[in-house]
Amino acid sequence: MTRSELKEHLSAVVAEKHNQNDIESIVNFLFDEKLIREKDSRDYLIIHDFYELLKENEGHVTNTFRDLSVIYETSETTIKRKFYSYINTH
């Protein structure tokens, strides 16, 4: 099965179980079925939120790392490691 076919089939399965307009329900389904790992989701959101917070912090990276560590209840070191790992792979 090609990637495109997999995506199409997964979409059909999820749509069958949930209203297509209910994103929260779909995300819950993906978590409950263990199709999305919490760690991967958190890592994605850290990167997403980094750029949003960086704008709010007027480009102050140190403040942005600190804010993210509070939001995600983890150390600044962990946030930095996730961010720099993402930068090095993208």
N, C-alpha and C. Protein backbone atom coordinates (compact mmCIF):
# COMPACT_ATOMS: atom_id res chain seq x y z
N MET A 1 0.84 -1.17 0.00
CA MET A 1 0.00 0.00 0.00
C MET A 1 0.90 1.24 0.00
N THR A 2 0.64 2.16 -0.89
CA THR A 2 1.45 3.38 -0.96
C THR A 2 1.11 4.30 0.21
N ARG A 3 1.97 5.27 0.43
CA ARG A 3 1.75 6.24 1.50
C ARG A 3 0.41 6.96 1.29
N SER A 4 0.16 7.34 0.07
CA SER A 4 -1.10 8.03 -0.25
C SER A 4 -2.30 7.15 0.06
N GLU A 5 -2.21 5.89 -0.30
CA GLU A 5 -3.30 4.95 -0.02
C GLU A 5 -3.48 4.74 1.48
N LEU A 6 -2.36 4.67 2.21
CA LEU A 6 -2.42 4.54 3.67
C LEU A 6 -3.13 5.73 4.29
N LYS A 7 -2.75 6.93 3.85
CA LYS A 7 -3.37 8.14 4.39
C LYS A 7 -4.86 8.16 4.09
N GLU A 8 -5.21 7.80 2.89
CA GLU A 8 -6.61 7.79 2.49
C GLU A 8 -7.41 6.77 3.32
N HIS A 9 -6.84 5.61 3.50
CA HIS A 9 -7.52 4.56 4.27
C HIS A 9 -7.67 4.96 5.74
N LEU A 10 -6.60 5.49 6.33
CA LEU A 10 -6.65 5.94 7.73
C LEU A 10 -7.70 7.03 7.88
N SER A 11 -7.75 7.95 6.94
CA SER A 11 -8.75 9.02 6.98
C SER A 11 -10.15 8.44 6.97
N ALA A 12 -10.36 7.43 6.15
CA ALA A 12 -11.68 6.80 6.06
C ALA A 12 -12.05 6.10 7.37
N VAL A 13 -11.09 5.40 7.97
CA VAL A 13 -11.35 4.71 9.23
C VAL A 13 -11.68 5.70 10.34
N VAL A 14 -10.91 6.77 10.43
CA VAL A 14 -11.15 7.77 11.46
C VAL A 14 -12.48 8.48 11.21
N ALA A 15 -12.76 8.83 9.97
CA ALA A 15 -14.02 9.50 9.63
C ALA A 15 -15.22 8.62 9.95
N GLU A 16 -15.04 7.31 9.79
CA GLU A 16 -16.12 6.36 10.08
C GLU A 16 -16.49 6.39 11.57
N LYS A 17 -15.48 6.61 12.41
CA LYS A 17 -15.71 6.59 13.86
C LYS A 17 -16.06 7.96 14.43
N HIS A 18 -15.74 9.02 13.71
CA HIS A 18 -15.90 10.37 14.25
C HIS A 18 -16.41 11.33 13.19
N ASN A 19 -17.07 12.35 13.69
CA ASN A 19 -17.50 13.45 12.82
C ASN A 19 -16.25 14.12 12.26
N GLN A 20 -16.16 14.26 10.96
CA GLN A 20 -14.96 14.81 10.34
C GLN A 20 -14.63 16.22 10.81
N ASN A 21 -15.63 16.95 11.30
CA ASN A 21 -15.39 18.32 11.73
C ASN A 21 -14.96 18.42 13.19
N ASP A 22 -14.89 17.30 13.87
CA ASP A 22 -14.56 17.28 15.29
C ASP A 22 -13.08 16.91 15.48
N ILE A 23 -12.21 17.88 15.34
CA ILE A 23 -10.77 17.64 15.41
C ILE A 23 -10.36 17.06 16.76
N GLU A 24 -10.91 17.58 17.84
CA GLU A 24 -10.55 17.08 19.17
C GLU A 24 -10.88 15.59 19.30
N SER A 25 -11.99 15.20 18.79
CA SER A 25 -12.39 13.79 18.83
C SER A 25 -11.41 12.93 18.03
N ILE A 26 -10.98 13.43 16.89
CA ILE A 26 -10.03 12.69 16.06
C ILE A 26 -8.68 12.56 16.76
N VAL A 27 -8.21 13.64 17.36
CA VAL A 27 -6.94 13.60 18.09
C VAL A 27 -7.05 12.61 19.25
N ASN A 28 -8.16 12.66 19.98
CA ASN A 28 -8.36 11.71 21.08
C ASN A 28 -8.33 10.28 20.57
N PHE A 29 -8.97 10.03 19.44
CA PHE A 29 -8.97 8.69 18.85
C PHE A 29 -7.54 8.25 18.54
N LEU A 30 -6.76 9.12 17.92
CA LEU A 30 -5.39 8.77 17.55
C LEU A 30 -4.54 8.47 18.79
N PHE A 31 -4.75 9.25 19.86
CA PHE A 31 -4.04 8.99 21.11
C PHE A 31 -4.50 7.67 21.73
N ASP A 32 -5.82 7.48 21.81
CA ASP A 32 -6.37 6.28 22.43
C ASP A 32 -5.94 5.00 21.72
N GLU A 33 -5.83 5.08 20.41
CA GLU A 33 -5.40 3.92 19.63
C GLU A 33 -3.88 3.81 19.56
N LYS A 34 -3.20 4.71 20.25
CA LYS A 34 -1.73 4.74 20.31
C LYS A 34 -1.09 4.91 18.93
N LEU A 35 -1.78 5.67 18.08
CA LEU A 35 -1.24 5.98 16.76
C LEU A 35 -0.36 7.23 16.83
N ILE A 36 -0.55 8.01 17.86
CA ILE A 36 0.29 9.19 18.11
C ILE A 36 0.85 9.04 19.52
N ARG A 37 2.16 9.15 19.62
CA ARG A 37 2.79 9.07 20.93
C ARG A 37 2.78 10.44 21.59
N GLU A 38 2.54 10.46 22.89
CA GLU A 38 2.51 11.71 23.65
C GLU A 38 3.82 12.47 23.50
N LYS A 39 4.92 11.75 23.58
CA LYS A 39 6.25 12.37 23.48
C LYS A 39 6.43 13.07 22.13
N ASP A 40 6.03 12.42 21.05
CA ASP A 40 6.16 13.02 19.72
C ASP A 40 5.28 14.26 19.59
N SER A 41 4.09 14.19 20.16
CA SER A 41 3.19 15.34 20.11
C SER A 41 3.77 16.51 20.89
N ARG A 42 4.29 16.21 22.07
CA ARG A 42 4.90 17.26 22.89
C ARG A 42 6.08 17.90 22.16
N ASP A 43 6.92 17.07 21.56
CA ASP A 43 8.08 17.60 20.84
C ASP A 43 7.65 18.52 19.69
N TYR A 44 6.63 18.10 18.97
CA TYR A 44 6.10 18.92 17.86
C TYR A 44 5.58 20.26 18.40
N LEU A 45 4.83 20.19 19.49
CA LEU A 45 4.25 21.42 20.05
C LEU A 45 5.32 22.34 20.63
N ILE A 46 6.38 21.78 21.18
CA ILE A 46 7.48 22.61 21.68
C ILE A 46 8.04 23.45 20.55
N ILE A 47 8.29 22.84 19.41
CA ILE A 47 8.84 23.58 18.26
C ILE A 47 7.82 24.60 17.76
N HIS A 48 6.58 24.20 17.64
CA HIS A 48 5.53 25.13 17.20
C HIS A 48 5.43 26.33 18.14
N ASP A 49 5.36 26.05 19.44
CA ASP A 49 5.22 27.12 20.43
C ASP A 49 6.47 27.98 20.54
N PHE A 50 7.63 27.40 20.25
CA PHE A 50 8.87 28.17 20.33
C PHE A 50 8.79 29.41 19.44
N TYR A 51 8.39 29.21 18.21
CA TYR A 51 8.37 30.34 17.27
C TYR A 51 7.30 31.36 17.64
N GLU A 52 6.17 30.90 18.17
CA GLU A 52 5.12 31.82 18.61
C GLU A 52 5.61 32.64 19.81
N LEU A 53 6.22 31.95 20.78
CA LEU A 53 6.71 32.65 21.98
C LEU A 53 7.90 33.55 21.66
N LEU A 54 8.71 33.15 20.72
CA LEU A 54 9.86 33.98 20.34
C LEU A 54 9.38 35.35 19.85
N LYS A 55 8.29 35.37 19.10
CA LYS A 55 7.72 36.64 18.65
C LYS A 55 7.24 37.46 19.85
N GLU A 56 6.53 36.80 20.77
CA GLU A 56 6.03 37.49 21.96
C GLU A 56 7.17 38.02 22.82
N ASN A 57 8.27 37.27 22.88
CA ASN A 57 9.42 37.66 23.69
C ASN A 57 10.40 38.57 22.93
N GLU A 58 9.95 39.07 21.81
CA GLU A 58 10.73 40.02 21.00
C GLU A 58 12.13 39.50 20.68
N GLY A 59 12.21 38.20 20.35
CA GLY A 59 13.46 37.62 19.91
C GLY A 59 14.39 37.16 21.02
N HIS A 60 13.97 37.23 22.26
CA HIS A 60 14.81 36.80 23.39
C HIS A 60 14.69 35.29 23.56
N VAL A 61 15.69 34.58 23.07
CA VAL A 61 15.68 33.11 23.07
C VAL A 61 15.69 32.55 24.48
N THR A 62 16.48 33.14 25.37
CA THR A 62 16.57 32.64 26.75
C THR A 62 15.21 32.68 27.43
N ASN A 63 14.48 33.79 27.26
CA ASN A 63 13.15 33.90 27.85
C ASN A 63 12.20 32.88 27.24
N THR A 64 12.36 32.62 25.96
CA THR A 64 11.49 31.68 25.26
C THR A 64 11.72 30.27 25.78
N PHE A 65 12.98 29.86 25.95
CA PHE A 65 13.27 28.54 26.53
C PHE A 65 12.69 28.43 27.94
N ARG A 66 12.83 29.48 28.71
CA ARG A 66 12.32 29.49 30.08
C ARG A 66 10.80 29.35 30.08
N ASP A 67 10.13 30.12 29.24
CA ASP A 67 8.66 30.06 29.17
C ASP A 67 8.19 28.66 28.77
N LEU A 68 8.85 28.07 27.80
CA LEU A 68 8.47 26.73 27.35
C LEU A 68 8.68 25.69 28.45
N SER A 69 9.74 25.85 29.23
CA SER A 69 9.98 24.89 30.31
C SER A 69 8.87 24.96 31.36
N VAL A 70 8.32 26.14 31.57
CA VAL A 70 7.20 26.28 32.51
C VAL A 70 5.93 25.67 31.90
N ILE A 71 5.65 25.98 30.66
CA ILE A 71 4.45 25.47 29.99
C ILE A 71 4.44 23.95 29.96
N TYR A 72 5.57 23.35 29.60
CA TYR A 72 5.63 21.89 29.43
C TYR A 72 6.15 21.16 30.67
N GLU A 73 6.34 21.91 31.75
CA GLU A 73 6.76 21.34 33.04
C GLU A 73 7.98 20.43 32.90
N THR A 74 9.00 20.97 32.27
CA THR A 74 10.25 20.25 32.09
C THR A 74 11.39 21.25 32.21
N SER A 75 12.61 20.78 32.14
CA SER A 75 13.76 21.67 32.31
C SER A 75 14.06 22.45 31.04
N GLU A 76 14.72 23.58 31.22
CA GLU A 76 15.16 24.36 30.06
C GLU A 76 16.10 23.54 29.20
N THR A 77 16.91 22.70 29.83
CA THR A 77 17.85 21.84 29.10
C THR A 77 17.11 20.91 28.16
N THR A 78 16.02 20.34 28.62
CA THR A 78 15.22 19.45 27.77
C THR A 78 14.64 20.22 26.59
N ILE A 79 14.14 21.41 26.85
CA ILE A 79 13.58 22.24 25.78
C ILE A 79 14.66 22.56 24.75
N LYS A 80 15.82 22.97 25.22
CA LYS A 80 16.93 23.30 24.32
C LYS A 80 17.33 22.09 23.49
N ARG A 81 17.42 20.92 24.14
CA ARG A 81 17.82 19.70 23.44
C ARG A 81 16.82 19.37 22.33
N LYS A 82 15.52 19.49 22.61
CA LYS A 82 14.49 19.23 21.59
C LYS A 82 14.60 20.23 20.45
N PHE A 83 14.78 21.49 20.79
CA PHE A 83 14.85 22.54 19.78
C PHE A 83 16.07 22.36 18.89
N TYR A 84 17.24 22.18 19.49
CA TYR A 84 18.46 22.06 18.69
C TYR A 84 18.49 20.76 17.89
N SER A 85 17.89 19.72 18.43
CA SER A 85 17.77 18.48 17.66
C SER A 85 16.92 18.70 16.43
N TYR A 86 15.82 19.43 16.57
CA TYR A 86 14.97 19.74 15.44
C TYR A 86 15.70 20.59 14.41
N ILE A 87 16.42 21.60 14.87
CA ILE A 87 17.16 22.49 13.97
C ILE A 87 18.20 21.70 13.17
N ASN A 88 18.87 20.77 13.83
CA ASN A 88 19.93 20.00 13.17
C ASN A 88 19.40 18.98 12.16
N THR A 89 18.13 18.63 12.28
CA THR A 89 17.57 17.62 11.36
C THR A 89 16.66 18.22 10.28
N HIS A 90 16.40 19.52 10.34
CA HIS A 90 15.51 20.13 9.36
C HIS A 90 16.21 21.22 8.61
